[in-house]
Structures are given as structure tokens and as C-alpha cells.
Amino acid sequence: MQIKKVTEFKEDLYKQGERFLKELEKSGEIGYIGLGRDYVILDPQASSQSGSMFTKQRGMRYIPPKHF
């Protein structure tokens, strides 16, 4: 049961990643995919809040790498 939930969760993440890329392609927007270890990318202090920087200051859409 637990393995099935993890598998479904990962599949959902990948679908969100695909949707993100398709939306960028359709709209012509520029996006940012954060690359690195999860404990760095997802930690605001360790990543220097790079996701926030790209979305708020540069107007770019951001997604962490777990979605691919």
C-alpha cells in the first residue's frame, strides 16, 4: 500500500512537470528549473531563496527538479 502511494505521488509530480513545460512552451514564457540536491533547492536559506528570486524579481516561473 505504501509503495503504491509513493508511486502515485511521483507520477503526479512528473505530470505537474510536464504540464509546467507545456504551459511555458504554449505561452512563450521563460521558466526556471532549479537543479541541485533537494535539501539545498527546497531549503530557502541553503538555496539563497533562488526560486523566490526568479519568480518575484525576474517574473520567471519556477519549479524544483523533483517534478522531472
PDB file of N, CA and C in Angstrom:
ATOM      1  N   MET A   1       0.830  -1.199   0.000  1.00  0.00           N
ATOM      2  CA  MET A   1       0.000   0.000   0.000  1.00  0.00           C
ATOM      3  C   MET A   1       0.872   1.259   0.000  1.00  0.00           C
ATOM      4  N   GLN A   2       1.886   1.296   0.854  1.00  0.00           N
ATOM      5  CA  GLN A   2       2.761   2.467   0.957  1.00  0.00           C
ATOM      6  C   GLN A   2       3.521   2.700  -0.350  1.00  0.00           C
ATOM      7  N   ILE A   3       4.001   1.628  -0.966  1.00  0.00           N
ATOM      8  CA  ILE A   3       4.746   1.758  -2.227  1.00  0.00           C
ATOM      9  C   ILE A   3       3.834   2.327  -3.311  1.00  0.00           C
ATOM     10  N   LYS A   4       2.581   1.899  -3.317  1.00  0.00           N
ATOM     11  CA  LYS A   4       1.631   2.406  -4.307  1.00  0.00           C
ATOM     12  C   LYS A   4       1.417   3.905  -4.132  1.00  0.00           C
ATOM     13  N   LYS A   5       1.326   4.373  -2.902  1.00  0.00           N
ATOM     14  CA  LYS A   5       1.136   5.800  -2.641  1.00  0.00           C
ATOM     15  C   LYS A   5       2.350   6.603  -3.098  1.00  0.00           C
ATOM     16  N   VAL A   6       3.535   6.083  -2.836  1.00  0.00           N
ATOM     17  CA  VAL A   6       4.763   6.771  -3.258  1.00  0.00           C
ATOM     18  C   VAL A   6       4.820   6.832  -4.780  1.00  0.00           C
ATOM     19  N   THR A   7       4.495   5.736  -5.419  1.00  0.00           N
ATOM     20  CA  THR A   7       4.499   5.691  -6.885  1.00  0.00           C
ATOM     21  C   THR A   7       3.499   6.684  -7.462  1.00  0.00           C
ATOM     22  N   GLU A   8       2.303   6.723  -6.900  1.00  0.00           N
ATOM     23  CA  GLU A   8       1.289   7.674  -7.366  1.00  0.00           C
ATOM     24  C   GLU A   8       1.736   9.114  -7.140  1.00  0.00           C
ATOM     25  N   PHE A   9       2.376   9.368  -6.011  1.00  0.00           N
ATOM     26  CA  PHE A   9       2.884  10.705  -5.712  1.00  0.00           C
ATOM     27  C   PHE A   9       3.923  11.130  -6.737  1.00  0.00           C
ATOM     28  N   LYS A  10       4.860  10.241  -7.043  1.00  0.00           N
ATOM     29  CA  LYS A  10       5.908  10.566  -8.030  1.00  0.00           C
ATOM     30  C   LYS A  10       5.306  10.776  -9.413  1.00  0.00           C
ATOM     31  N   GLU A  11       4.339   9.943  -9.774  1.00  0.00           N
ATOM     32  CA  GLU A  11       3.683  10.115 -11.077  1.00  0.00           C
ATOM     33  C   GLU A  11       2.995  11.470 -11.171  1.00  0.00           C
ATOM     34  N   ASP A  12       2.364  11.881 -10.080  1.00  0.00           N
ATOM     35  CA  ASP A  12       1.711  13.191 -10.055  1.00  0.00           C
ATOM     36  C   ASP A  12       2.735  14.317 -10.192  1.00  0.00           C
ATOM     37  N   LEU A  13       3.875  14.174  -9.525  1.00  0.00           N
ATOM     38  CA  LEU A  13       4.928  15.186  -9.659  1.00  0.00           C
ATOM     39  C   LEU A  13       5.392  15.301 -11.104  1.00  0.00           C
ATOM     40  N   TYR A  14       5.601  14.161 -11.757  1.00  0.00           N
ATOM     41  CA  TYR A  14       6.059  14.181 -13.145  1.00  0.00           C
ATOM     42  C   TYR A  14       5.016  14.807 -14.063  1.00  0.00           C
ATOM     43  N   LYS A  15       3.741  14.545 -13.794  1.00  0.00           N
ATOM     44  CA  LYS A  15       2.676  15.154 -14.589  1.00  0.00           C
ATOM     45  C   LYS A  15       2.687  16.670 -14.424  1.00  0.00           C
ATOM     46  N   GLN A  16       2.914  17.130 -13.199  1.00  0.00           N
ATOM     47  CA  GLN A  16       2.995  18.568 -12.962  1.00  0.00           C
ATOM     48  C   GLN A  16       4.174  19.171 -13.719  1.00  0.00           C
ATOM     49  N   GLY A  17       5.286  18.459 -13.753  1.00  0.00           N
ATOM     50  CA  GLY A  17       6.456  18.929 -14.504  1.00  0.00           C
ATOM     51  C   GLY A  17       6.168  19.030 -15.990  1.00  0.00           C
ATOM     52  N   GLU A  18       5.515  18.012 -16.526  1.00  0.00           N
ATOM     53  CA  GLU A  18       5.162  18.029 -17.945  1.00  0.00           C
ATOM     54  C   GLU A  18       4.198  19.173 -18.240  1.00  0.00           C
ATOM     55  N   ARG A  19       3.237  19.370 -17.369  1.00  0.00           N
ATOM     56  CA  ARG A  19       2.267  20.463 -17.538  1.00  0.00           C
ATOM     57  C   ARG A  19       2.983  21.817 -17.503  1.00  0.00           C
ATOM     58  N   PHE A  20       3.934  21.954 -16.585  1.00  0.00           N
ATOM     59  CA  PHE A  20       4.728  23.179 -16.469  1.00  0.00           C
ATOM     60  C   PHE A  20       5.443  23.479 -17.783  1.00  0.00           C
ATOM     61  N   LEU A  21       6.114  22.473 -18.348  1.00  0.00           N
ATOM     62  CA  LEU A  21       6.849  22.673 -19.601  1.00  0.00           C
ATOM     63  C   LEU A  21       5.912  22.983 -20.766  1.00  0.00           C
ATOM     64  N   LYS A  22       4.791  22.292 -20.842  1.00  0.00           N
ATOM     65  CA  LYS A  22       3.832  22.547 -21.920  1.00  0.00           C
ATOM     66  C   LYS A  22       3.254  23.956 -21.830  1.00  0.00           C
ATOM     67  N   GLU A  23       2.962  24.414 -20.611  1.00  0.00           N
ATOM     68  CA  GLU A  23       2.435  25.770 -20.437  1.00  0.00           C
ATOM     69  C   GLU A  23       3.463  26.816 -20.852  1.00  0.00           C
ATOM     70  N   LEU A  24       4.735  26.575 -20.514  1.00  0.00           N
ATOM     71  CA  LEU A  24       5.789  27.504 -20.922  1.00  0.00           C
ATOM     72  C   LEU A  24       5.926  27.531 -22.438  1.00  0.00           C
ATOM     73  N   GLU A  25       5.900  26.359 -23.044  1.00  0.00           N
ATOM     74  CA  GLU A  25       6.038  26.279 -24.499  1.00  0.00           C
ATOM     75  C   GLU A  25       4.879  26.997 -25.193  1.00  0.00           C
ATOM     76  N   LYS A  26       3.681  26.781 -24.687  1.00  0.00           N
ATOM     77  CA  LYS A  26       2.494  27.395 -25.291  1.00  0.00           C
ATOM     78  C   LYS A  26       2.493  28.912 -25.132  1.00  0.00           C
ATOM     79  N   SER A  27       2.884  29.389 -23.943  1.00  0.00           N
ATOM     80  CA  SER A  27       2.830  30.819 -23.670  1.00  0.00           C
ATOM     81  C   SER A  27       4.065  31.582 -24.146  1.00  0.00           C
ATOM     82  N   GLY A  28       5.160  30.865 -24.363  1.00  0.00           N
ATOM     83  CA  GLY A  28       6.402  31.530 -24.746  1.00  0.00           C
ATOM     84  C   GLY A  28       7.150  32.129 -23.562  1.00  0.00           C
ATOM     85  N   GLU A  29       6.645  31.853 -22.355  1.00  0.00           N
ATOM     86  CA  GLU A  29       7.299  32.368 -21.144  1.00  0.00           C
ATOM     87  C   GLU A  29       8.647  31.679 -20.929  1.00  0.00           C
ATOM     88  N   ILE A  30       9.462  32.336 -20.144  1.00  0.00           N
ATOM     89  CA  ILE A  30      10.732  31.754 -19.732  1.00  0.00           C
ATOM     90  C   ILE A  30      10.536  31.172 -18.344  1.00  0.00           C
ATOM     91  N   GLY A  31      11.017  29.965 -18.145  1.00  0.00           N
ATOM     92  CA  GLY A  31      10.895  29.314 -16.849  1.00  0.00           C
ATOM     93  C   GLY A  31      12.250  28.935 -16.300  1.00  0.00           C
ATOM     94  N   TYR A  32      12.260  28.570 -15.046  1.00  0.00           N
ATOM     95  CA  TYR A  32      13.488  28.191 -14.353  1.00  0.00           C
ATOM     96  C   TYR A  32      13.249  26.876 -13.634  1.00  0.00           C
ATOM     97  N   ILE A  33      14.088  25.890 -13.917  1.00  0.00           N
ATOM     98  CA  ILE A  33      14.038  24.617 -13.209  1.00  0.00           C
ATOM     99  C   ILE A  33      15.234  24.586 -12.281  1.00  0.00           C
ATOM    100  N   GLY A  34      14.959  24.554 -10.991  1.00  0.00           N
ATOM    101  CA  GLY A  34      16.042  24.522 -10.010  1.00  0.00           C
ATOM    102  C   GLY A  34      16.766  23.187 -10.069  1.00  0.00           C
ATOM    103  N   LEU A  35      18.063  23.217 -10.180  1.00  0.00           N
ATOM    104  CA  LEU A  35      18.854  21.988 -10.213  1.00  0.00           C
ATOM    105  C   LEU A  35      19.708  21.905  -8.964  1.00  0.00           C
ATOM    106  N   GLY A  36      19.816  20.735  -8.430  1.00  0.00           N
ATOM    107  CA  GLY A  36      20.628  20.526  -7.238  1.00  0.00           C
ATOM    108  C   GLY A  36      19.990  19.510  -6.320  1.00  0.00           C
ATOM    109  N   ARG A  37      20.620  19.292  -5.225  1.00  0.00           N
ATOM    110  CA  ARG A  37      20.101  18.353  -4.227  1.00  0.00           C
ATOM    111  C   ARG A  37      18.851  18.931  -3.579  1.00  0.00           C
ATOM    112  N   ASP A  38      17.894  18.066  -3.298  1.00  0.00           N
ATOM    113  CA  ASP A  38      16.634  18.513  -2.695  1.00  0.00           C
ATOM    114  C   ASP A  38      16.853  19.302  -1.424  1.00  0.00           C
ATOM    115  N   TYR A  39      17.774  18.854  -0.597  1.00  0.00           N
ATOM    116  CA  TYR A  39      17.979  19.536   0.677  1.00  0.00           C
ATOM    117  C   TYR A  39      18.547  20.938   0.493  1.00  0.00           C
ATOM    118  N   VAL A  40      19.068  21.235  -0.670  1.00  0.00           N
ATOM    119  CA  VAL A  40      19.542  22.592  -0.955  1.00  0.00           C
ATOM    120  C   VAL A  40      18.457  23.391  -1.674  1.00  0.00           C
ATOM    121  N   ILE A  41      17.910  22.824  -2.741  1.00  0.00           N
ATOM    122  CA  ILE A  41      16.915  23.526  -3.554  1.00  0.00           C
ATOM    123  C   ILE A  41      15.671  23.881  -2.753  1.00  0.00           C
ATOM    124  N   LEU A  42      15.209  22.961  -1.909  1.00  0.00           N
ATOM    125  CA  LEU A  42      13.959  23.173  -1.191  1.00  0.00           C
ATOM    126  C   LEU A  42      14.139  23.906   0.132  1.00  0.00           C
ATOM    127  N   ASP A  43      15.362  24.145   0.542  1.00  0.00           N
ATOM    128  CA  ASP A  43      15.634  24.884   1.779  1.00  0.00           C
ATOM    129  C   ASP A  43      15.895  26.341   1.411  1.00  0.00           C
ATOM    130  N   PRO A  44      15.027  27.259   1.832  1.00  0.00           N
ATOM    131  CA  PRO A  44      15.169  28.663   1.442  1.00  0.00           C
ATOM    132  C   PRO A  44      16.526  29.277   1.805  1.00  0.00           C
ATOM    133  N   GLN A  45      17.084  28.918   2.948  1.00  0.00           N
ATOM    134  CA  GLN A  45      18.368  29.500   3.338  1.00  0.00           C
ATOM    135  C   GLN A  45      19.523  28.896   2.550  1.00  0.00           C
ATOM    136  N   ALA A  46      19.510  27.581   2.374  1.00  0.00           N
ATOM    137  CA  ALA A  46      20.603  26.930   1.648  1.00  0.00           C
ATOM    138  C   ALA A  46      20.604  27.308   0.171  1.00  0.00           C
ATOM    139  N   SER A  47      19.427  27.567  -0.385  1.00  0.00           N
ATOM    140  CA  SER A  47      19.335  27.904  -1.811  1.00  0.00           C
ATOM    141  C   SER A  47      19.388  29.406  -2.051  1.00  0.00           C
ATOM    142  N   SER A  48      19.558  30.176  -0.978  1.00  0.00           N
ATOM    143  CA  SER A  48      19.517  31.643  -1.076  1.00  0.00           C
ATOM    144  C   SER A  48      18.196  32.113  -1.674  1.00  0.00           C
ATOM    145  N   GLN A  49      17.156  31.336  -1.470  1.00  0.00           N
ATOM    146  CA  GLN A  49      15.812  31.623  -1.966  1.00  0.00           C
ATOM    147  C   GLN A  49      15.798  31.883  -3.474  1.00  0.00           C
ATOM    148  N   SER A  50      16.535  31.051  -4.210  1.00  0.00           N
ATOM    149  CA  SER A  50      16.646  31.250  -5.658  1.00  0.00           C
ATOM    150  C   SER A  50      15.296  31.164  -6.362  1.00  0.00           C
ATOM    151  N   GLY A  51      14.414  30.249  -5.923  1.00  0.00           N
ATOM    152  CA  GLY A  51      13.097  30.158  -6.553  1.00  0.00           C
ATOM    153  C   GLY A  51      12.322  31.451  -6.418  1.00  0.00           C
ATOM    154  N   SER A  52      12.378  32.033  -5.240  1.00  0.00           N
ATOM    155  CA  SER A  52      11.697  33.308  -4.991  1.00  0.00           C
ATOM    156  C   SER A  52      12.307  34.421  -5.833  1.00  0.00           C
ATOM    157  N   MET A  53      13.619  34.409  -5.931  1.00  0.00           N
ATOM    158  CA  MET A  53      14.308  35.439  -6.706  1.00  0.00           C
ATOM    159  C   MET A  53      13.853  35.405  -8.171  1.00  0.00           C
ATOM    160  N   PHE A  54      13.788  34.212  -8.741  1.00  0.00           N
ATOM    161  CA  PHE A  54      13.411  34.113 -10.147  1.00  0.00           C
ATOM    162  C   PHE A  54      11.943  34.456 -10.368  1.00  0.00           C
ATOM    163  N   THR A  55      11.079  34.058  -9.445  1.00  0.00           N
ATOM    164  CA  THR A  55       9.657  34.342  -9.654  1.00  0.00           C
ATOM    165  C   THR A  55       9.287  35.775  -9.339  1.00  0.00           C
ATOM    166  N   LYS A  56       9.754  36.302  -8.241  1.00  0.00           N
ATOM    167  CA  LYS A  56       9.347  37.645  -7.818  1.00  0.00           C
ATOM    168  C   LYS A  56      10.147  38.750  -8.493  1.00  0.00           C
ATOM    169  N   GLN A  57      11.447  38.590  -8.591  1.00  0.00           N
ATOM    170  CA  GLN A  57      12.268  39.674  -9.112  1.00  0.00           C
ATOM    171  C   GLN A  57      12.406  39.643 -10.626  1.00  0.00           C
ATOM    172  N   ARG A  58      12.368  38.462 -11.201  1.00  0.00           N
ATOM    173  CA  ARG A  58      12.561  38.366 -12.652  1.00  0.00           C
ATOM    174  C   ARG A  58      11.301  37.956 -13.403  1.00  0.00           C
ATOM    175  N   GLY A  59      10.246  37.662 -12.656  1.00  0.00           N
ATOM    176  CA  GLY A  59       8.978  37.305 -13.294  1.00  0.00           C
ATOM    177  C   GLY A  59       8.985  35.962 -13.993  1.00  0.00           C
ATOM    178  N   MET A  60       9.916  35.102 -13.642  1.00  0.00           N
ATOM    179  CA  MET A  60      10.002  33.786 -14.271  1.00  0.00           C
ATOM    180  C   MET A  60       9.257  32.752 -13.438  1.00  0.00           C
ATOM    181  N   ARG A  61       8.672  31.793 -14.113  1.00  0.00           N
ATOM    182  CA  ARG A  61       8.041  30.676 -13.399  1.00  0.00           C
ATOM    183  C   ARG A  61       9.129  29.708 -12.959  1.00  0.00           C
ATOM    184  N   TYR A  62       8.949  29.121 -11.790  1.00  0.00           N
ATOM    185  CA  TYR A  62       9.965  28.264 -11.175  1.00  0.00           C
ATOM    186  C   TYR A  62       9.351  26.922 -10.773  1.00  0.00           C
ATOM    187  N   ILE A  63      10.139  25.866 -10.929  1.00  0.00           N
ATOM    188  CA  ILE A  63       9.721  24.547 -10.476  1.00  0.00           C
ATOM    189  C   ILE A  63      10.961  23.791 -10.004  1.00  0.00           C
ATOM    190  N   PRO A  64      10.869  23.082  -8.876  1.00  0.00           N
ATOM    191  CA  PRO A  64      12.012  22.296  -8.414  1.00  0.00           C
ATOM    192  C   PRO A  64      12.206  21.042  -9.251  1.00  0.00           C
ATOM    193  N   PRO A  65      13.400  20.447  -9.226  1.00  0.00           N
ATOM    194  CA  PRO A  65      13.722  19.335 -10.104  1.00  0.00           C
ATOM    195  C   PRO A  65      12.971  18.045  -9.827  1.00  0.00           C
ATOM    196  N   LYS A  66      12.359  17.888  -8.674  1.00  0.00           N
ATOM    197  CA  LYS A  66      11.645  16.649  -8.350  1.00  0.00           C
ATOM    198  C   LYS A  66      10.501  16.372  -9.328  1.00  0.00           C
ATOM    199  N   HIS A  67      10.103  17.361 -10.074  1.00  0.00           N
ATOM    200  CA  HIS A  67       8.964  17.222 -10.993  1.00  0.00           C
ATOM    201  C   HIS A  67       9.375  16.633 -12.347  1.00  0.00           C
ATOM    202  N   PHE A  68      10.639  16.250 -12.474  1.00  0.00           N
ATOM    203  CA  PHE A  68      11.104  15.706 -13.761  1.00  0.00           C
ATOM    204  C   PHE A  68      11.797  14.393 -13.592  1.00  0.00           C
TER     205      PHE A  68
END
